[in-house]
């Protein structure tokens, strides 16, 4: 169970790598960055109560969604660099 929990972040990150790039080009870096940072911040705040409850499936889902948000942050940076360079 621990291996699944620790790797679930990367499941979300890997599966949405191309989608993050498309979203950054379509909506721009600022909006996507706001949504990505906001969502990962809220999910990080929710993490300690979930660990105290011992709800492993919910914790895995939170980690997957955090991975999706983090890949969007990386693409925002790349989009910003390309648009100014």
PDB file of N, CA and C in Angstrom:
ATOM      1  N   UNK A   1       0.819  -1.191   0.000  1.00  0.00           N
ATOM      2  CA  UNK A   1       0.000   0.000   0.000  1.00  0.00           C
ATOM      3  C   UNK A   1       0.867   1.262   0.000  1.00  0.00           C
ATOM      4  N   UNK A   2       1.977   1.235   0.737  1.00  0.00           N
ATOM      5  CA  UNK A   2       2.847   2.405   0.807  1.00  0.00           C
ATOM      6  C   UNK A   2       3.434   2.724  -0.567  1.00  0.00           C
ATOM      7  N   UNK A   3       3.824   1.708  -1.325  1.00  0.00           N
ATOM      8  CA  UNK A   3       4.376   1.936  -2.659  1.00  0.00           C
ATOM      9  C   UNK A   3       3.351   2.593  -3.574  1.00  0.00           C
ATOM     10  N   UNK A   4       2.122   2.145  -3.513  1.00  0.00           N
ATOM     11  CA  UNK A   4       1.061   2.726  -4.331  1.00  0.00           C
ATOM     12  C   UNK A   4       0.810   4.178  -3.945  1.00  0.00           C
ATOM     13  N   UNK A   5       0.796   4.447  -2.668  1.00  0.00           N
ATOM     14  CA  UNK A   5       0.567   5.806  -2.196  1.00  0.00           C
ATOM     15  C   UNK A   5       1.691   6.742  -2.629  1.00  0.00           C
ATOM     16  N   UNK A   6       2.915   6.297  -2.512  1.00  0.00           N
ATOM     17  CA  UNK A   6       4.046   7.135  -2.880  1.00  0.00           C
ATOM     18  C   UNK A   6       4.162   7.342  -4.389  1.00  0.00           C
ATOM     19  N   UNK A   7       3.775   6.363  -5.173  1.00  0.00           N
ATOM     20  CA  UNK A   7       3.888   6.496  -6.625  1.00  0.00           C
ATOM     21  C   UNK A   7       2.654   7.117  -7.272  1.00  0.00           C
ATOM     22  N   UNK A   8       1.577   7.294  -6.532  1.00  0.00           N
ATOM     23  CA  UNK A   8       0.345   7.814  -7.124  1.00  0.00           C
ATOM     24  C   UNK A   8       0.514   9.240  -7.640  1.00  0.00           C
ATOM     25  N   UNK A   9       1.382  10.038  -7.031  1.00  0.00           N
ATOM     26  CA  UNK A   9       1.668  11.386  -7.534  1.00  0.00           C
ATOM     27  C   UNK A   9       2.170  11.314  -8.975  1.00  0.00           C
ATOM     28  N   UNK A  10       3.060  10.383  -9.242  1.00  0.00           N
ATOM     29  CA  UNK A  10       3.654  10.264 -10.567  1.00  0.00           C
ATOM     30  C   UNK A  10       2.686   9.678 -11.587  1.00  0.00           C
ATOM     31  N   UNK A  11       1.693   8.919 -11.148  1.00  0.00           N
ATOM     32  CA  UNK A  11       0.657   8.456 -12.076  1.00  0.00           C
ATOM     33  C   UNK A  11      -0.083   9.651 -12.660  1.00  0.00           C
ATOM     34  N   UNK A  12      -0.445  10.599 -11.811  1.00  0.00           N
ATOM     35  CA  UNK A  12      -1.113  11.808 -12.299  1.00  0.00           C
ATOM     36  C   UNK A  12      -0.193  12.661 -13.137  1.00  0.00           C
ATOM     37  N   UNK A  13       1.054  12.751 -12.743  1.00  0.00           N
ATOM     38  CA  UNK A  13       2.036  13.582 -13.455  1.00  0.00           C
ATOM     39  C   UNK A  13       2.301  13.044 -14.855  1.00  0.00           C
ATOM     40  N   UNK A  14       2.521  11.743 -14.961  1.00  0.00           N
ATOM     41  CA  UNK A  14       2.864  11.141 -16.254  1.00  0.00           C
ATOM     42  C   UNK A  14       1.678  11.149 -17.218  1.00  0.00           C
ATOM     43  N   UNK A  15       0.495  10.865 -16.699  1.00  0.00           N
ATOM     44  CA  UNK A  15      -0.653  10.727 -17.596  1.00  0.00           C
ATOM     45  C   UNK A  15      -1.131  12.046 -18.181  1.00  0.00           C
ATOM     46  N   UNK A  16      -0.755  13.164 -17.599  1.00  0.00           N
ATOM     47  CA  UNK A  16      -1.261  14.451 -18.101  1.00  0.00           C
ATOM     48  C   UNK A  16      -0.167  15.368 -18.629  1.00  0.00           C
ATOM     49  N   UNK A  17       0.980  14.838 -18.942  1.00  0.00           N
ATOM     50  CA  UNK A  17       2.068  15.674 -19.429  1.00  0.00           C
ATOM     51  C   UNK A  17       1.687  16.387 -20.722  1.00  0.00           C
ATOM     52  N   UNK A  18       1.151  15.687 -21.678  1.00  0.00           N
ATOM     53  CA  UNK A  18       0.760  16.325 -22.942  1.00  0.00           C
ATOM     54  C   UNK A  18      -0.434  17.262 -22.757  1.00  0.00           C
ATOM     55  N   UNK A  19      -1.361  16.876 -21.914  1.00  0.00           N
ATOM     56  CA  UNK A  19      -2.529  17.710 -21.666  1.00  0.00           C
ATOM     57  C   UNK A  19      -2.136  19.051 -21.044  1.00  0.00           C
ATOM     58  N   UNK A  20      -1.167  19.055 -20.145  1.00  0.00           N
ATOM     59  CA  UNK A  20      -0.708  20.296 -19.526  1.00  0.00           C
ATOM     60  C   UNK A  20      -0.149  21.269 -20.541  1.00  0.00           C
ATOM     61  N   UNK A  21       0.591  20.777 -21.513  1.00  0.00           N
ATOM     62  CA  UNK A  21       1.128  21.627 -22.564  1.00  0.00           C
ATOM     63  C   UNK A  21       0.038  22.227 -23.437  1.00  0.00           C
ATOM     64  N   UNK A  22      -0.950  21.421 -23.780  1.00  0.00           N
ATOM     65  CA  UNK A  22      -2.067  21.903 -24.602  1.00  0.00           C
ATOM     66  C   UNK A  22      -2.862  22.964 -23.839  1.00  0.00           C
ATOM     67  N   UNK A  23      -3.126  22.725 -22.571  1.00  0.00           N
ATOM     68  CA  UNK A  23      -3.867  23.695 -21.768  1.00  0.00           C
ATOM     69  C   UNK A  23      -3.103  25.002 -21.606  1.00  0.00           C
ATOM     70  N   UNK A  24      -1.786  24.933 -21.440  1.00  0.00           N
ATOM     71  CA  UNK A  24      -0.974  26.146 -21.319  1.00  0.00           C
ATOM     72  C   UNK A  24      -1.015  26.964 -22.600  1.00  0.00           C
ATOM     73  N   UNK A  25      -1.002  26.296 -23.743  1.00  0.00           N
ATOM     74  CA  UNK A  25      -1.070  27.023 -25.010  1.00  0.00           C
ATOM     75  C   UNK A  25      -2.462  27.596 -25.259  1.00  0.00           C
ATOM     76  N   UNK A  26      -3.491  26.896 -24.830  1.00  0.00           N
ATOM     77  CA  UNK A  26      -4.863  27.336 -25.092  1.00  0.00           C
ATOM     78  C   UNK A  26      -5.292  28.470 -24.161  1.00  0.00           C
ATOM     79  N   UNK A  27      -5.044  28.324 -22.854  1.00  0.00           N
ATOM     80  CA  UNK A  27      -5.531  29.300 -21.881  1.00  0.00           C
ATOM     81  C   UNK A  27      -4.469  30.289 -21.419  1.00  0.00           C
ATOM     82  N   UNK A  28      -3.222  30.022 -21.721  1.00  0.00           N
ATOM     83  CA  UNK A  28      -2.148  30.896 -21.257  1.00  0.00           C
ATOM     84  C   UNK A  28      -1.612  30.425 -19.919  1.00  0.00           C
ATOM     85  N   UNK A  29      -0.435  30.894 -19.612  1.00  0.00           N
ATOM     86  CA  UNK A  29       0.236  30.439 -18.407  1.00  0.00           C
ATOM     87  C   UNK A  29      -0.351  30.974 -17.117  1.00  0.00           C
ATOM     88  N   UNK A  30      -0.852  32.214 -17.135  1.00  0.00           N
ATOM     89  CA  UNK A  30      -1.315  32.828 -15.889  1.00  0.00           C
ATOM     90  C   UNK A  30      -2.527  32.116 -15.304  1.00  0.00           C
ATOM     91  N   UNK A  31      -3.519  31.857 -16.131  1.00  0.00           N
ATOM     92  CA  UNK A  31      -4.740  31.205 -15.643  1.00  0.00           C
ATOM     93  C   UNK A  31      -4.445  29.776 -15.203  1.00  0.00           C
ATOM     94  N   UNK A  32      -3.702  29.063 -16.010  1.00  0.00           N
ATOM     95  CA  UNK A  32      -3.381  27.679 -15.673  1.00  0.00           C
ATOM     96  C   UNK A  32      -2.537  27.602 -14.405  1.00  0.00           C
ATOM     97  N   UNK A  33      -1.611  28.541 -14.238  1.00  0.00           N
ATOM     98  CA  UNK A  33      -0.791  28.570 -13.035  1.00  0.00           C
ATOM     99  C   UNK A  33      -1.648  28.842 -11.804  1.00  0.00           C
ATOM    100  N   UNK A  34      -2.596  29.757 -11.913  1.00  0.00           N
ATOM    101  CA  UNK A  34      -3.490  30.061 -10.793  1.00  0.00           C
ATOM    102  C   UNK A  34      -4.305  28.831 -10.387  1.00  0.00           C
ATOM    103  N   UNK A  35      -4.865  28.147 -11.364  1.00  0.00           N
ATOM    104  CA  UNK A  35      -5.669  26.958 -11.076  1.00  0.00           C
ATOM    105  C   UNK A  35      -4.796  25.830 -10.512  1.00  0.00           C
ATOM    106  N   UNK A  36      -3.624  25.641 -11.087  1.00  0.00           N
ATOM    107  CA  UNK A  36      -2.746  24.546 -10.654  1.00  0.00           C
ATOM    108  C   UNK A  36      -2.234  24.776  -9.237  1.00  0.00           C
ATOM    109  N   UNK A  37      -1.755  25.969  -8.954  1.00  0.00           N
ATOM    110  CA  UNK A  37      -1.230  26.252  -7.615  1.00  0.00           C
ATOM    111  C   UNK A  37      -2.357  26.243  -6.589  1.00  0.00           C
ATOM    112  N   UNK A  38      -3.500  26.810  -6.961  1.00  0.00           N
ATOM    113  CA  UNK A  38      -4.640  26.815  -6.041  1.00  0.00           C
ATOM    114  C   UNK A  38      -5.120  25.415  -5.700  1.00  0.00           C
ATOM    115  N   UNK A  39      -5.238  24.572  -6.709  1.00  0.00           N
ATOM    116  CA  UNK A  39      -5.741  23.213  -6.453  1.00  0.00           C
ATOM    117  C   UNK A  39      -4.748  22.385  -5.652  1.00  0.00           C
ATOM    118  N   UNK A  40      -3.462  22.481  -5.972  1.00  0.00           N
ATOM    119  CA  UNK A  40      -2.492  21.705  -5.204  1.00  0.00           C
ATOM    120  C   UNK A  40      -2.350  22.235  -3.783  1.00  0.00           C
ATOM    121  N   UNK A  41      -2.552  23.524  -3.590  1.00  0.00           N
ATOM    122  CA  UNK A  41      -2.501  24.085  -2.231  1.00  0.00           C
ATOM    123  C   UNK A  41      -3.653  23.562  -1.381  1.00  0.00           C
ATOM    124  N   UNK A  42      -4.846  23.550  -1.951  1.00  0.00           N
ATOM    125  CA  UNK A  42      -6.007  23.047  -1.209  1.00  0.00           C
ATOM    126  C   UNK A  42      -5.831  21.563  -0.895  1.00  0.00           C
ATOM    127  N   UNK A  43      -5.354  20.812  -1.863  1.00  0.00           N
ATOM    128  CA  UNK A  43      -5.163  19.370  -1.630  1.00  0.00           C
ATOM    129  C   UNK A  43      -4.072  19.099  -0.603  1.00  0.00           C
ATOM    130  N   UNK A  44      -3.059  19.943  -0.549  1.00  0.00           N
ATOM    131  CA  UNK A  44      -2.021  19.791   0.457  1.00  0.00           C
ATOM    132  C   UNK A  44      -2.577  20.066   1.849  1.00  0.00           C
ATOM    133  N   UNK A  45      -3.488  21.023   1.950  1.00  0.00           N
ATOM    134  CA  UNK A  45      -4.126  21.320   3.237  1.00  0.00           C
ATOM    135  C   UNK A  45      -5.018  20.156   3.676  1.00  0.00           C
ATOM    136  N   UNK A  46      -5.635  19.474   2.723  1.00  0.00           N
ATOM    137  CA  UNK A  46      -6.541  18.359   3.034  1.00  0.00           C
ATOM    138  C   UNK A  46      -5.773  17.088   3.415  1.00  0.00           C
ATOM    139  N   UNK A  47      -4.509  17.007   3.063  1.00  0.00           N
ATOM    140  CA  UNK A  47      -3.728  15.790   3.278  1.00  0.00           C
ATOM    141  C   UNK A  47      -3.619  15.353   4.746  1.00  0.00           C
ATOM    142  N   UNK A  48      -3.265  16.225   5.689  1.00  0.00           N
ATOM    143  CA  UNK A  48      -3.152  15.753   7.083  1.00  0.00           C
ATOM    144  C   UNK A  48      -4.433  15.155   7.669  1.00  0.00           C
ATOM    145  N   UNK A  49      -5.613  15.777   7.454  1.00  0.00           N
ATOM    146  CA  UNK A  49      -6.817  15.116   7.972  1.00  0.00           C
ATOM    147  C   UNK A  49      -7.080  13.746   7.347  1.00  0.00           C
ATOM    148  N   UNK A  50      -6.750  13.596   6.076  1.00  0.00           N
ATOM    149  CA  UNK A  50      -6.941  12.292   5.431  1.00  0.00           C
ATOM    150  C   UNK A  50      -6.016  11.235   6.016  1.00  0.00           C
ATOM    151  N   UNK A  51      -4.803  11.630   6.359  1.00  0.00           N
ATOM    152  CA  UNK A  51      -3.882  10.660   6.950  1.00  0.00           C
ATOM    153  C   UNK A  51      -4.343  10.255   8.343  1.00  0.00           C
ATOM    154  N   UNK A  52      -4.936  11.188   9.071  1.00  0.00           N
ATOM    155  CA  UNK A  52      -5.442  10.846  10.405  1.00  0.00           C
ATOM    156  C   UNK A  52      -6.650   9.921  10.327  1.00  0.00           C
ATOM    157  N   UNK A  53      -7.463  10.099   9.285  1.00  0.00           N
ATOM    158  CA  UNK A  53      -8.612   9.217   9.107  1.00  0.00           C
ATOM    159  C   UNK A  53      -8.200   7.836   8.616  1.00  0.00           C
ATOM    160  N   UNK A  54      -7.038   7.754   7.989  1.00  0.00           N
ATOM    161  CA  UNK A  54      -6.565   6.475   7.475  1.00  0.00           C
ATOM    162  C   UNK A  54      -7.281   6.037   6.212  1.00  0.00           C
ATOM    163  N   UNK A  55      -7.789   7.000   5.450  1.00  0.00           N
ATOM    164  CA  UNK A  55      -8.532   6.700   4.228  1.00  0.00           C
ATOM    165  C   UNK A  55      -7.548   6.610   3.050  1.00  0.00           C
ATOM    166  N   UNK A  56      -7.012   5.433   2.820  1.00  0.00           N
ATOM    167  CA  UNK A  56      -5.986   5.244   1.791  1.00  0.00           C
ATOM    168  C   UNK A  56      -6.488   5.517   0.378  1.00  0.00           C
ATOM    169  N   UNK A  57      -7.675   5.051  -0.054  1.00  0.00           N
ATOM    170  CA  UNK A  57      -8.116   5.356  -1.418  1.00  0.00           C
ATOM    171  C   UNK A  57      -8.286   6.857  -1.670  1.00  0.00           C
ATOM    172  N   UNK A  58      -8.792   7.572  -0.687  1.00  0.00           N
ATOM    173  CA  UNK A  58      -8.928   9.030  -0.844  1.00  0.00           C
ATOM    174  C   UNK A  58      -7.559   9.690  -0.916  1.00  0.00           C
ATOM    175  N   UNK A  59      -6.631   9.217  -0.140  1.00  0.00           N
ATOM    176  CA  UNK A  59      -5.280   9.767  -0.145  1.00  0.00           C
ATOM    177  C   UNK A  59      -4.588   9.517  -1.481  1.00  0.00           C
ATOM    178  N   UNK A  60      -4.790   8.357  -2.050  1.00  0.00           N
ATOM    179  CA  UNK A  60      -4.220   8.050  -3.365  1.00  0.00           C
ATOM    180  C   UNK A  60      -4.825   8.968  -4.424  1.00  0.00           C
ATOM    181  N   UNK A  61      -6.129   9.188  -4.355  1.00  0.00           N
ATOM    182  CA  UNK A  61      -6.789  10.086  -5.312  1.00  0.00           C
ATOM    183  C   UNK A  61      -6.259  11.514  -5.180  1.00  0.00           C
ATOM    184  N   UNK A  62      -6.048  11.967  -3.962  1.00  0.00           N
ATOM    185  CA  UNK A  62      -5.510  13.313  -3.744  1.00  0.00           C
ATOM    186  C   UNK A  62      -4.116  13.422  -4.336  1.00  0.00           C
ATOM    187  N   UNK A  63      -3.301  12.412  -4.145  1.00  0.00           N
ATOM    188  CA  UNK A  63      -1.936  12.448  -4.686  1.00  0.00           C
ATOM    189  C   UNK A  63      -1.935  12.444  -6.214  1.00  0.00           C
ATOM    190  N   UNK A  64      -2.850  11.702  -6.840  1.00  0.00           N
ATOM    191  CA  UNK A  64      -2.937  11.692  -8.304  1.00  0.00           C
ATOM    192  C   UNK A  64      -3.308  13.089  -8.806  1.00  0.00           C
ATOM    193  N   UNK A  65      -4.283  13.716  -8.175  1.00  0.00           N
ATOM    194  CA  UNK A  65      -4.713  15.061  -8.602  1.00  0.00           C
ATOM    195  C   UNK A  65      -3.609  16.081  -8.342  1.00  0.00           C
ATOM    196  N   UNK A  66      -2.849  15.926  -7.272  1.00  0.00           N
ATOM    197  CA  UNK A  66      -1.701  16.806  -7.037  1.00  0.00           C
ATOM    198  C   UNK A  66      -0.667  16.662  -8.161  1.00  0.00           C
ATOM    199  N   UNK A  67      -0.449  15.460  -8.631  1.00  0.00           N
ATOM    200  CA  UNK A  67       0.472  15.250  -9.753  1.00  0.00           C
ATOM    201  C   UNK A  67      -0.013  15.934 -11.011  1.00  0.00           C
ATOM    202  N   UNK A  68      -1.315  15.910 -11.246  1.00  0.00           N
ATOM    203  CA  UNK A  68      -1.884  16.601 -12.408  1.00  0.00           C
ATOM    204  C   UNK A  68      -1.638  18.103 -12.282  1.00  0.00           C
ATOM    205  N   UNK A  69      -1.834  18.636 -11.092  1.00  0.00           N
ATOM    206  CA  UNK A  69      -1.602  20.070 -10.889  1.00  0.00           C
ATOM    207  C   UNK A  69      -0.145  20.455 -11.040  1.00  0.00           C
ATOM    208  N   UNK A  70       0.748  19.627 -10.570  1.00  0.00           N
ATOM    209  CA  UNK A  70       2.169  19.951 -10.653  1.00  0.00           C
ATOM    210  C   UNK A  70       2.692  19.931 -12.084  1.00  0.00           C
ATOM    211  N   UNK A  71       2.187  19.050 -12.906  1.00  0.00           N
ATOM    212  CA  UNK A  71       2.624  19.045 -14.304  1.00  0.00           C
ATOM    213  C   UNK A  71       2.140  20.309 -15.009  1.00  0.00           C
ATOM    214  N   UNK A  72       1.006  20.818 -14.621  1.00  0.00           N
ATOM    215  CA  UNK A  72       0.510  22.059 -15.211  1.00  0.00           C
ATOM    216  C   UNK A  72       1.402  23.235 -14.835  1.00  0.00           C
ATOM    217  N   UNK A  73       1.928  23.233 -13.618  1.00  0.00           N
ATOM    218  CA  UNK A  73       2.843  24.300 -13.195  1.00  0.00           C
ATOM    219  C   UNK A  73       4.102  24.276 -14.048  1.00  0.00           C
ATOM    220  N   UNK A  74       4.628  23.110 -14.321  1.00  0.00           N
ATOM    221  CA  UNK A  74       5.829  23.000 -15.151  1.00  0.00           C
ATOM    222  C   UNK A  74       5.575  23.525 -16.559  1.00  0.00           C
ATOM    223  N   UNK A  75       4.413  23.243 -17.119  1.00  0.00           N
ATOM    224  CA  UNK A  75       4.114  23.708 -18.465  1.00  0.00           C
ATOM    225  C   UNK A  75       3.858  25.205 -18.506  1.00  0.00           C
ATOM    226  N   UNK A  76       3.356  25.775 -17.439  1.00  0.00           N
ATOM    227  CA  UNK A  76       3.187  27.229 -17.383  1.00  0.00           C
ATOM    228  C   UNK A  76       4.521  27.925 -17.492  1.00  0.00           C
ATOM    229  N   UNK A  77       5.530  27.375 -16.789  1.00  0.00           N
ATOM    230  CA  UNK A  77       6.867  27.957 -16.868  1.00  0.00           C
ATOM    231  C   UNK A  77       7.428  27.874 -18.277  1.00  0.00           C
ATOM    232  N   UNK A  78       7.255  26.735 -18.915  1.00  0.00           N
ATOM    233  CA  UNK A  78       7.765  26.573 -20.279  1.00  0.00           C
ATOM    234  C   UNK A  78       7.037  27.500 -21.245  1.00  0.00           C
ATOM    235  N   UNK A  79       5.737  27.644 -21.082  1.00  0.00           N
ATOM    236  CA  UNK A  79       4.963  28.514 -21.956  1.00  0.00           C
ATOM    237  C   UNK A  79       5.415  29.968 -21.770  1.00  0.00           C
ATOM    238  N   UNK A  80       5.672  30.368 -20.539  1.00  0.00           N
ATOM    239  CA  UNK A  80       6.095  31.737 -20.267  1.00  0.00           C
ATOM    240  C   UNK A  80       7.451  32.010 -20.897  1.00  0.00           C
ATOM    241  N   UNK A  81       8.368  31.067 -20.796  1.00  0.00           N
ATOM    242  CA  UNK A  81       9.701  31.240 -21.369  1.00  0.00           C
ATOM    243  C   UNK A  81       9.622  31.328 -22.890  1.00  0.00           C
ATOM    244  N   UNK A  82       8.811  30.478 -23.520  1.00  0.00           N
ATOM    245  CA  UNK A  82       8.693  30.492 -24.971  1.00  0.00           C
ATOM    246  C   UNK A  82       8.016  31.760 -25.481  1.00  0.00           C
ATOM    247  N   UNK A  83       7.055  32.289 -24.741  1.00  0.00           N
ATOM    248  CA  UNK A  83       6.334  33.466 -25.219  1.00  0.00           C
ATOM    249  C   UNK A  83       7.158  34.741 -25.087  1.00  0.00           C
ATOM    250  N   UNK A  84       8.193  34.725 -24.238  1.00  0.00           N
ATOM    251  CA  UNK A  84       9.022  35.911 -24.076  1.00  0.00           C
ATOM    252  C   UNK A  84      10.386  35.769 -24.739  1.00  0.00           C
ATOM    253  N   UNK A  85      10.642  34.636 -25.346  1.00  0.00           N
ATOM    254  CA  UNK A  85      11.968  34.410 -25.903  1.00  0.00           C
ATOM    255  C   UNK A  85      11.932  34.423 -27.345  1.00  0.00           C
TER     256      UNK A  85
END
